[in-house]
Amino acid sequence: MLNKTQVKVIISGRVQGVFYRARTKNTADRLGIKGYVKNLPNGSVEAVFQGEQPIVTQMIEWCHKGPAASKVEHVQAKETKILSNFETFEIRY
């Protein structure tokens, strides 16, 4: 990858119990993004996206909408240091 980046994203609003993680995985797999998504105890969702800069940006834009049943109120994205390469995109529990 030429312009590989890693971004940690926190999504808040009505994002648990609305298939947010499953749809995030579907979208990440379709775009070729690696990383993970998981629910947080406070009702938010955390995701780490690793891939080419333009594709990661596209994934973050998708997070602002999410699946139809969700109501995204805030998306916080922060570029992080790449400590290891993810092999796949997974849902963590």
Protein backbone atom coordinates (compact mmCIF):
# COMPACT_ATOMS: atom_id res chain seq x y z
CA MET A 1 0.00 0.00 0.00
CA LEU A 2 1.36 3.36 -0.94
CA ASN A 3 -0.49 5.74 1.36
CA LYS A 4 -1.51 3.48 4.23
CA THR A 5 -3.14 5.08 7.22
CA GLN A 6 -4.89 3.97 10.40
CA VAL A 7 -7.75 5.84 12.01
CA LYS A 8 -9.58 5.19 15.28
CA VAL A 9 -13.22 6.26 15.12
CA ILE A 10 -15.79 6.65 17.91
CA ILE A 11 -19.41 6.80 16.75
CA SER A 12 -22.11 7.94 19.16
CA GLY A 13 -25.88 8.15 18.99
CA ARG A 14 -28.27 5.25 18.45
CA VAL A 15 -25.60 2.90 17.16
CA GLN A 16 -26.04 -0.25 19.25
CA GLY A 17 -28.78 -2.78 18.56
CA VAL A 18 -29.25 -1.47 14.99
CA PHE A 19 -26.77 -3.74 13.13
CA TYR A 20 -24.15 -0.97 13.08
CA ARG A 21 -21.23 -3.38 13.60
CA ALA A 22 -22.46 -5.86 10.98
CA ARG A 23 -23.02 -3.15 8.36
CA THR A 24 -19.64 -1.60 9.19
CA LYS A 25 -17.99 -4.97 8.58
CA ASN A 26 -19.87 -5.44 5.28
CA THR A 27 -18.81 -1.99 4.10
CA ALA A 28 -15.20 -2.42 5.24
CA ASP A 29 -14.95 -5.81 3.52
CA ARG A 30 -16.37 -4.36 0.30
CA LEU A 31 -13.86 -1.47 0.38
CA GLY A 32 -10.88 -3.62 1.39
CA ILE A 33 -10.44 -1.97 4.80
CA LYS A 34 -8.74 -3.92 7.60
CA GLY A 35 -9.27 -3.44 11.35
CA TYR A 36 -12.15 -3.98 13.74
CA VAL A 37 -15.41 -2.63 15.13
CA LYS A 38 -16.83 -3.14 18.63
CA ASN A 39 -19.49 -1.84 21.01
CA LEU A 40 -18.35 0.26 23.96
CA PRO A 41 -19.95 0.09 27.43
CA ASN A 42 -21.16 3.72 27.13
CA GLY A 43 -23.39 2.92 24.11
CA SER A 44 -20.95 4.15 21.46
CA VAL A 45 -19.18 2.10 18.80
CA GLU A 46 -15.39 2.06 18.30
CA ALA A 47 -13.75 1.16 15.01
CA VAL A 48 -10.20 1.09 13.73
CA PHE A 49 -9.78 1.38 9.97
CA GLN A 50 -6.50 0.59 8.25
CA GLY A 51 -5.93 1.02 4.53
CA GLU A 52 -5.29 3.48 1.73
CA GLN A 53 -6.04 7.09 2.75
CA PRO A 54 -8.89 7.75 0.25
CA ILE A 55 -10.64 4.48 1.11
CA VAL A 56 -10.33 5.08 4.86
CA THR A 57 -11.81 8.55 4.31
CA GLN A 58 -14.71 6.97 2.41
CA MET A 59 -15.26 4.55 5.31
CA ILE A 60 -15.34 7.42 7.82
CA GLU A 61 -17.91 9.22 5.66
CA TRP A 62 -20.04 6.07 5.71
CA CYS A 63 -19.89 6.11 9.53
CA HIS A 64 -21.73 9.45 9.57
CA LYS A 65 -24.75 7.70 8.00
CA GLY A 66 -24.51 4.12 9.23
CA PRO A 67 -27.29 1.60 8.65
CA ALA A 68 -30.88 2.74 8.16
CA ALA A 69 -31.98 2.04 11.77
CA SER A 70 -29.13 4.02 13.32
CA LYS A 71 -29.15 7.67 14.33
CA VAL A 72 -25.56 8.88 14.31
CA GLU A 73 -25.06 11.99 16.43
CA HIS A 74 -21.27 12.34 16.43
CA VAL A 75 -18.26 10.79 14.73
CA GLN A 76 -14.79 11.41 16.15
CA ALA A 77 -11.91 10.23 13.96
CA LYS A 78 -8.26 10.38 14.97
CA GLU A 79 -5.30 9.15 12.98
CA THR A 80 -3.22 6.72 15.01
CA LYS A 81 0.20 5.16 14.62
CA ILE A 82 0.23 1.83 12.79
CA LEU A 83 1.67 -0.63 15.31
CA SER A 84 0.69 -3.79 13.43
CA ASN A 85 -1.02 -4.73 10.22
CA PHE A 86 -4.51 -6.17 10.49
CA GLU A 87 -5.15 -9.26 8.37
CA THR A 88 -8.93 -8.81 8.09
CA PHE A 89 -11.80 -6.66 9.36
CA GLU A 90 -13.51 -8.23 12.35
CA ILE A 91 -16.32 -7.62 14.78
CA ARG A 92 -14.96 -7.72 18.32
CA TYR A 93 -17.08 -8.63 21.32
